[in-house]
């Protein structure tokens, strides 16, 4: 009887130890995810702070491109609010909108030559590179954490301790493609401004 009690106590001790190890592992993995996300959040907020200066600089040279500037302003607030997925979606859309602004600058030599614009462009592109870098680490930690709580025996205890899967911070495939600039939905340029650039569809031109 004593031997049986010792065996039962030993088994319970092993189970308790295993639970503690699994729980601590979950906590460590979740903390890595949160720390990596904090690094992304820092860069998103830095981008948030840079955008008003870019908007004001571009307005002075390309006043009629208000459609793009309005879109960038609207997306700006979205990158610091909402869930991970909502921030990722807003960040991806904002990246494309900023590419449009930089593409438009090619048609405004004075804007392109502006030191303030060049500085802002470099800082925003540098921020974009940092976001891409820390996004890789974040997604790796998310994958590690999600695997841990979905694989056996972790999945047995994950729900018990309220550990739930984390969202990836993803960029869609089209984010790596060159931006397509099309301002056909805007009003015509103000007097003295160059014509708005418009992307041309591939294939045969339409017959007149």
C-alpha atoms as a PDB file:
ATOM      1  CA  UNK A   1       0.000   0.000   0.000  1.00  0.00           C
ATOM      2  CA  UNK A   2       2.800   2.401   0.914  1.00  0.00           C
ATOM      3  CA  UNK A   3       4.579   1.560  -2.342  1.00  0.00           C
ATOM      4  CA  UNK A   4       1.400   2.238  -4.290  1.00  0.00           C
ATOM      5  CA  UNK A   5       0.980   5.597  -2.585  1.00  0.00           C
ATOM      6  CA  UNK A   6       4.566   6.476  -3.431  1.00  0.00           C
ATOM      7  CA  UNK A   7       4.016   5.530  -7.077  1.00  0.00           C
ATOM      8  CA  UNK A   8       0.797   7.562  -7.268  1.00  0.00           C
ATOM      9  CA  UNK A   9       2.488  10.551  -5.620  1.00  0.00           C
ATOM     10  CA  UNK A  10       5.423  10.265  -8.018  1.00  0.00           C
ATOM     11  CA  UNK A  11       3.113  10.114 -11.041  1.00  0.00           C
ATOM     12  CA  UNK A  12       1.147  13.138  -9.804  1.00  0.00           C
ATOM     13  CA  UNK A  13       4.400  15.011  -9.188  1.00  0.00           C
ATOM     14  CA  UNK A  14       5.570  14.230 -12.727  1.00  0.00           C
ATOM     15  CA  UNK A  15       2.232  15.380 -14.189  1.00  0.00           C
ATOM     16  CA  UNK A  16       2.322  18.581 -12.129  1.00  0.00           C
ATOM     17  CA  UNK A  17       5.912  19.241 -13.205  1.00  0.00           C
ATOM     18  CA  UNK A  18       4.971  18.667 -16.845  1.00  0.00           C
ATOM     19  CA  UNK A  19       2.071  21.112 -16.551  1.00  0.00           C
ATOM     20  CA  UNK A  20       4.348  23.729 -14.997  1.00  0.00           C
ATOM     21  CA  UNK A  21       6.926  23.281 -17.766  1.00  0.00           C
ATOM     22  CA  UNK A  22       4.269  23.510 -20.499  1.00  0.00           C
ATOM     23  CA  UNK A  23       2.650  26.560 -18.906  1.00  0.00           C
ATOM     24  CA  UNK A  24       5.986  28.359 -18.528  1.00  0.00           C
ATOM     25  CA  UNK A  25       6.826  27.519 -22.122  1.00  0.00           C
ATOM     26  CA  UNK A  26       3.538  29.069 -23.279  1.00  0.00           C
ATOM     27  CA  UNK A  27       4.244  32.213 -21.258  1.00  0.00           C
ATOM     28  CA  UNK A  28       7.750  32.569 -22.686  1.00  0.00           C
ATOM     29  CA  UNK A  29       6.566  32.094 -26.258  1.00  0.00           C
ATOM     30  CA  UNK A  30       3.680  34.532 -25.788  1.00  0.00           C
ATOM     31  CA  UNK A  31       6.044  37.116 -24.283  1.00  0.00           C
ATOM     32  CA  UNK A  32       8.321  36.795 -27.316  1.00  0.00           C
ATOM     33  CA  UNK A  33       5.321  37.437 -29.555  1.00  0.00           C
ATOM     34  CA  UNK A  34       4.312  40.478 -27.528  1.00  0.00           C
ATOM     35  CA  UNK A  35       7.854  41.849 -27.466  1.00  0.00           C
ATOM     36  CA  UNK A  36       8.184  41.436 -31.239  1.00  0.00           C
ATOM     37  CA  UNK A  37       4.810  43.110 -31.727  1.00  0.00           C
ATOM     38  CA  UNK A  38       5.960  46.040 -29.591  1.00  0.00           C
ATOM     39  CA  UNK A  39       8.846  46.526 -32.029  1.00  0.00           C
ATOM     40  CA  UNK A  40       6.405  46.647 -34.951  1.00  0.00           C
ATOM     41  CA  UNK A  41       4.168  49.054 -33.039  1.00  0.00           C
ATOM     42  CA  UNK A  42       7.094  51.425 -32.472  1.00  0.00           C
ATOM     43  CA  UNK A  43       7.733  51.603 -36.213  1.00  0.00           C
ATOM     44  CA  UNK A  44       4.031  52.007 -37.026  1.00  0.00           C
ATOM     45  CA  UNK A  45       3.821  54.946 -34.615  1.00  0.00           C
ATOM     46  CA  UNK A  46       6.986  56.440 -36.097  1.00  0.00           C
ATOM     47  CA  UNK A  47       5.396  56.237 -39.525  1.00  0.00           C
ATOM     48  CA  UNK A  48       2.240  57.803 -38.042  1.00  0.00           C
ATOM     49  CA  UNK A  49       4.285  60.786 -36.818  1.00  0.00           C
ATOM     50  CA  UNK A  50       6.115  61.275 -40.138  1.00  0.00           C
ATOM     51  CA  UNK A  51       3.069  61.282 -42.416  1.00  0.00           C
ATOM     52  CA  UNK A  52       1.641  64.765 -41.532  1.00  0.00           C
ATOM     53  CA  UNK A  53       4.956  66.359 -42.502  1.00  0.00           C
ATOM     54  CA  UNK A  54       4.933  64.469 -45.792  1.00  0.00           C
ATOM     55  CA  UNK A  55       1.332  65.535 -46.507  1.00  0.00           C
ATOM     56  CA  UNK A  56       2.116  69.199 -45.844  1.00  0.00           C
ATOM     57  CA  UNK A  57       5.237  69.076 -48.007  1.00  0.00           C
ATOM     58  CA  UNK A  58       3.484  67.459 -50.962  1.00  0.00           C
ATOM     59  CA  UNK A  59       0.489  69.812 -50.705  1.00  0.00           C
ATOM     60  CA  UNK A  60       2.766  72.758 -51.375  1.00  0.00           C
ATOM     61  CA  UNK A  61       3.849  71.350 -54.733  1.00  0.00           C
ATOM     62  CA  UNK A  62       1.089  69.044 -55.910  1.00  0.00           C
ATOM     63  CA  UNK A  63      -2.070  70.565 -54.516  1.00  0.00           C
ATOM     64  CA  UNK A  64      -4.425  68.799 -56.902  1.00  0.00           C
ATOM     65  CA  UNK A  65      -3.356  65.294 -55.848  1.00  0.00           C
ATOM     66  CA  UNK A  66      -5.765  65.637 -52.941  1.00  0.00           C
ATOM     67  CA  UNK A  67      -7.363  62.212 -53.533  1.00  0.00           C
ATOM     68  CA  UNK A  68      -4.145  60.407 -52.669  1.00  0.00           C
ATOM     69  CA  UNK A  69      -3.345  62.724 -49.788  1.00  0.00           C
ATOM     70  CA  UNK A  70      -6.825  62.247 -48.324  1.00  0.00           C
ATOM     71  CA  UNK A  71      -6.458  58.465 -48.570  1.00  0.00           C
ATOM     72  CA  UNK A  72      -3.077  58.549 -46.828  1.00  0.00           C
ATOM     73  CA  UNK A  73      -4.491  60.745 -44.062  1.00  0.00           C
ATOM     74  CA  UNK A  74      -7.413  58.350 -43.528  1.00  0.00           C
ATOM     75  CA  UNK A  75      -5.168  55.273 -43.465  1.00  0.00           C
ATOM     76  CA  UNK A  76      -2.727  56.964 -41.110  1.00  0.00           C
ATOM     77  CA  UNK A  77      -5.019  56.662 -38.085  1.00  0.00           C
ATOM     78  CA  UNK A  78      -5.742  53.001 -38.852  1.00  0.00           C
ATOM     79  CA  UNK A  79      -2.157  51.842 -38.389  1.00  0.00           C
ATOM     80  CA  UNK A  80      -2.175  52.584 -34.646  1.00  0.00           C
ATOM     81  CA  UNK A  81      -5.644  51.279 -33.774  1.00  0.00           C
ATOM     82  CA  UNK A  82      -7.434  47.961 -34.032  1.00  0.00           C
ATOM     83  CA  UNK A  83      -6.330  44.337 -34.066  1.00  0.00           C
ATOM     84  CA  UNK A  84      -3.097  42.968 -35.508  1.00  0.00           C
ATOM     85  CA  UNK A  85      -4.876  42.003 -38.721  1.00  0.00           C
ATOM     86  CA  UNK A  86      -6.550  45.424 -39.029  1.00  0.00           C
ATOM     87  CA  UNK A  87      -3.226  47.184 -38.498  1.00  0.00           C
ATOM     88  CA  UNK A  88      -1.563  44.885 -41.031  1.00  0.00           C
ATOM     89  CA  UNK A  89      -4.247  45.616 -43.630  1.00  0.00           C
ATOM     90  CA  UNK A  90      -4.029  49.378 -43.024  1.00  0.00           C
ATOM     91  CA  UNK A  91      -0.228  49.254 -43.142  1.00  0.00           C
ATOM     92  CA  UNK A  92      -0.264  47.406 -46.468  1.00  0.00           C
ATOM     93  CA  UNK A  93      -2.728  49.876 -47.998  1.00  0.00           C
ATOM     94  CA  UNK A  94      -0.733  52.789 -46.628  1.00  0.00           C
ATOM     95  CA  UNK A  95       2.470  51.416 -48.161  1.00  0.00           C
ATOM     96  CA  UNK A  96       0.813  51.379 -51.579  1.00  0.00           C
ATOM     97  CA  UNK A  97      -0.570  54.900 -51.117  1.00  0.00           C
ATOM     98  CA  UNK A  98       2.854  56.232 -50.097  1.00  0.00           C
ATOM     99  CA  UNK A  99       4.381  54.598 -53.167  1.00  0.00           C
ATOM    100  CA  UNK A 100       1.852  56.555 -55.217  1.00  0.00           C
ATOM    101  CA  UNK A 101       2.981  59.820 -53.621  1.00  0.00           C
ATOM    102  CA  UNK A 102       6.625  59.034 -54.309  1.00  0.00           C
ATOM    103  CA  UNK A 103       5.748  58.110 -57.901  1.00  0.00           C
ATOM    104  CA  UNK A 104       3.867  61.399 -58.353  1.00  0.00           C
ATOM    105  CA  UNK A 105       6.963  63.301 -57.206  1.00  0.00           C
ATOM    106  CA  UNK A 106       8.650  62.286 -60.479  1.00  0.00           C
ATOM    107  CA  UNK A 107       6.327  64.772 -62.228  1.00  0.00           C
ATOM    108  CA  UNK A 108       7.235  67.639 -59.897  1.00  0.00           C
ATOM    109  CA  UNK A 109      10.971  68.419 -60.206  1.00  0.00           C
ATOM    110  CA  UNK A 110      10.817  71.058 -57.462  1.00  0.00           C
ATOM    111  CA  UNK A 111       9.166  68.597 -55.083  1.00  0.00           C
ATOM    112  CA  UNK A 112      11.587  65.830 -55.988  1.00  0.00           C
ATOM    113  CA  UNK A 113      14.505  68.196 -55.327  1.00  0.00           C
ATOM    114  CA  UNK A 114      13.117  69.435 -52.018  1.00  0.00           C
ATOM    115  CA  UNK A 115      15.447  68.491 -49.176  1.00  0.00           C
ATOM    116  CA  UNK A 116      12.511  68.153 -46.803  1.00  0.00           C
ATOM    117  CA  UNK A 117      10.733  65.758 -49.172  1.00  0.00           C
ATOM    118  CA  UNK A 118      13.911  63.730 -49.731  1.00  0.00           C
ATOM    119  CA  UNK A 119      14.480  63.463 -45.979  1.00  0.00           C
ATOM    120  CA  UNK A 120      10.890  62.369 -45.346  1.00  0.00           C
ATOM    121  CA  UNK A 121      11.044  59.869 -48.191  1.00  0.00           C
ATOM    122  CA  UNK A 122      14.242  58.347 -46.804  1.00  0.00           C
ATOM    123  CA  UNK A 123      12.843  58.182 -43.274  1.00  0.00           C
ATOM    124  CA  UNK A 124       9.565  56.603 -44.407  1.00  0.00           C
ATOM    125  CA  UNK A 125      11.352  54.092 -46.617  1.00  0.00           C
ATOM    126  CA  UNK A 126      13.702  53.306 -43.738  1.00  0.00           C
ATOM    127  CA  UNK A 127      10.707  52.790 -41.466  1.00  0.00           C
ATOM    128  CA  UNK A 128       9.145  50.485 -44.055  1.00  0.00           C
ATOM    129  CA  UNK A 129      12.349  48.415 -44.129  1.00  0.00           C
ATOM    130  CA  UNK A 130      12.368  48.188 -40.332  1.00  0.00           C
ATOM    131  CA  UNK A 131       8.722  47.098 -40.297  1.00  0.00           C
ATOM    132  CA  UNK A 132       9.535  44.367 -42.833  1.00  0.00           C
ATOM    133  CA  UNK A 133      12.508  43.227 -40.732  1.00  0.00           C
ATOM    134  CA  UNK A 134      10.690  43.045 -37.395  1.00  0.00           C
ATOM    135  CA  UNK A 135       7.634  41.539 -39.105  1.00  0.00           C
ATOM    136  CA  UNK A 136       9.735  38.494 -39.983  1.00  0.00           C
ATOM    137  CA  UNK A 137      10.752  37.980 -36.352  1.00  0.00           C
ATOM    138  CA  UNK A 138       7.206  38.565 -35.136  1.00  0.00           C
ATOM    139  CA  UNK A 139       5.731  36.035 -37.561  1.00  0.00           C
ATOM    140  CA  UNK A 140       8.376  33.464 -36.597  1.00  0.00           C
ATOM    141  CA  UNK A 141       7.470  33.839 -32.917  1.00  0.00           C
ATOM    142  CA  UNK A 142       3.752  33.657 -33.736  1.00  0.00           C
ATOM    143  CA  UNK A 143       4.317  30.434 -35.679  1.00  0.00           C
ATOM    144  CA  UNK A 144       6.283  28.953 -32.788  1.00  0.00           C
ATOM    145  CA  UNK A 145       3.599  29.930 -30.270  1.00  0.00           C
ATOM    146  CA  UNK A 146       0.686  28.732 -32.417  1.00  0.00           C
ATOM    147  CA  UNK A 147       2.395  25.389 -33.003  1.00  0.00           C
ATOM    148  CA  UNK A 148       2.993  24.971 -29.277  1.00  0.00           C
ATOM    149  CA  UNK A 149      -0.658  25.463 -28.335  1.00  0.00           C
ATOM    150  CA  UNK A 150      -2.019  23.349 -31.203  1.00  0.00           C
ATOM    151  CA  UNK A 151       0.298  20.346 -30.943  1.00  0.00           C
ATOM    152  CA  UNK A 152      -0.056  17.581 -28.368  1.00  0.00           C
ATOM    153  CA  UNK A 153       0.296  17.782 -25.403  1.00  0.00           C
ATOM    154  CA  UNK A 154       0.164  21.576 -25.476  1.00  0.00           C
ATOM    155  CA  UNK A 155      -3.317  21.630 -26.976  1.00  0.00           C
ATOM    156  CA  UNK A 156      -4.608  19.767 -23.912  1.00  0.00           C
ATOM    157  CA  UNK A 157      -3.645  22.620 -21.601  1.00  0.00           C
ATOM    158  CA  UNK A 158      -3.813  25.688 -23.891  1.00  0.00           C
ATOM    159  CA  UNK A 159      -7.564  26.101 -23.545  1.00  0.00           C
ATOM    160  CA  UNK A 160      -7.389  25.413 -19.833  1.00  0.00           C
ATOM    161  CA  UNK A 161      -4.952  28.320 -19.378  1.00  0.00           C
ATOM    162  CA  UNK A 162      -6.702  30.553 -21.955  1.00  0.00           C
ATOM    163  CA  UNK A 163      -3.846  30.638 -24.455  1.00  0.00           C
ATOM    164  CA  UNK A 164      -5.241  31.379 -27.923  1.00  0.00           C
ATOM    165  CA  UNK A 165      -3.622  31.559 -31.349  1.00  0.00           C
ATOM    166  CA  UNK A 166      -2.035  34.828 -32.445  1.00  0.00           C
ATOM    167  CA  UNK A 167      -2.513  36.561 -35.787  1.00  0.00           C
ATOM    168  CA  UNK A 168       0.321  36.934 -38.268  1.00  0.00           C
ATOM    169  CA  UNK A 169       1.332  40.378 -39.492  1.00  0.00           C
ATOM    170  CA  UNK A 170       1.244  39.661 -43.197  1.00  0.00           C
ATOM    171  CA  UNK A 171       1.861  41.585 -46.379  1.00  0.00           C
ATOM    172  CA  UNK A 172      -0.099  40.480 -49.453  1.00  0.00           C
ATOM    173  CA  UNK A 173       1.878  39.322 -52.532  1.00  0.00           C
ATOM    174  CA  UNK A 174       0.915  42.460 -54.462  1.00  0.00           C
ATOM    175  CA  UNK A 175       2.684  44.638 -51.873  1.00  0.00           C
ATOM    176  CA  UNK A 176       6.008  43.705 -53.472  1.00  0.00           C
ATOM    177  CA  UNK A 177       4.850  44.720 -56.950  1.00  0.00           C
ATOM    178  CA  UNK A 178       5.557  48.154 -58.484  1.00  0.00           C
ATOM    179  CA  UNK A 179       2.873  50.677 -57.661  1.00  0.00           C
ATOM    180  CA  UNK A 180       0.286  51.449 -60.361  1.00  0.00           C
ATOM    181  CA  UNK A 181      -0.383  55.171 -60.352  1.00  0.00           C
ATOM    182  CA  UNK A 182      -3.857  56.136 -61.545  1.00  0.00           C
ATOM    183  CA  UNK A 183      -5.472  59.437 -60.653  1.00  0.00           C
ATOM    184  CA  UNK A 184      -8.239  59.282 -63.245  1.00  0.00           C
ATOM    185  CA  UNK A 185     -10.845  59.535 -60.485  1.00  0.00           C
ATOM    186  CA  UNK A 186      -9.569  62.930 -59.377  1.00  0.00           C
ATOM    187  CA  UNK A 187     -10.578  66.324 -60.725  1.00  0.00           C
ATOM    188  CA  UNK A 188      -8.343  67.820 -63.364  1.00  0.00           C
ATOM    189  CA  UNK A 189      -5.120  69.590 -62.441  1.00  0.00           C
ATOM    190  CA  UNK A 190      -5.155  73.188 -61.411  1.00  0.00           C
ATOM    191  CA  UNK A 191      -3.863  75.771 -63.857  1.00  0.00           C
ATOM    192  CA  UNK A 192      -0.128  75.562 -64.364  1.00  0.00           C
ATOM    193  CA  UNK A 193       0.189  72.039 -62.966  1.00  0.00           C
ATOM    194  CA  UNK A 194       1.371  69.101 -65.116  1.00  0.00           C
ATOM    195  CA  UNK A 195      -1.183  66.559 -66.260  1.00  0.00           C
ATOM    196  CA  UNK A 196      -1.893  63.776 -63.804  1.00  0.00           C
ATOM    197  CA  UNK A 197      -0.096  60.507 -64.490  1.00  0.00           C
ATOM    198  CA  UNK A 198      -2.251  57.561 -65.400  1.00  0.00           C
ATOM    199  CA  UNK A 199      -1.213  53.958 -65.715  1.00  0.00           C
ATOM    200  CA  UNK A 200      -1.870  52.439 -69.115  1.00  0.00           C
ATOM    201  CA  UNK A 201      -3.426  48.982 -69.385  1.00  0.00           C
ATOM    202  CA  UNK A 202      -1.415  46.293 -71.099  1.00  0.00           C
ATOM    203  CA  UNK A 203      -2.600  44.893 -74.409  1.00  0.00           C
ATOM    204  CA  UNK A 204      -3.957  46.415 -77.577  1.00  0.00           C
ATOM    205  CA  UNK A 205      -5.301  49.984 -77.423  1.00  0.00           C
ATOM    206  CA  UNK A 206      -9.006  50.445 -77.821  1.00  0.00           C
ATOM    207  CA  UNK A 207     -10.165  51.350 -81.258  1.00  0.00           C
ATOM    208  CA  UNK A 208     -11.515  54.879 -81.691  1.00  0.00           C
END
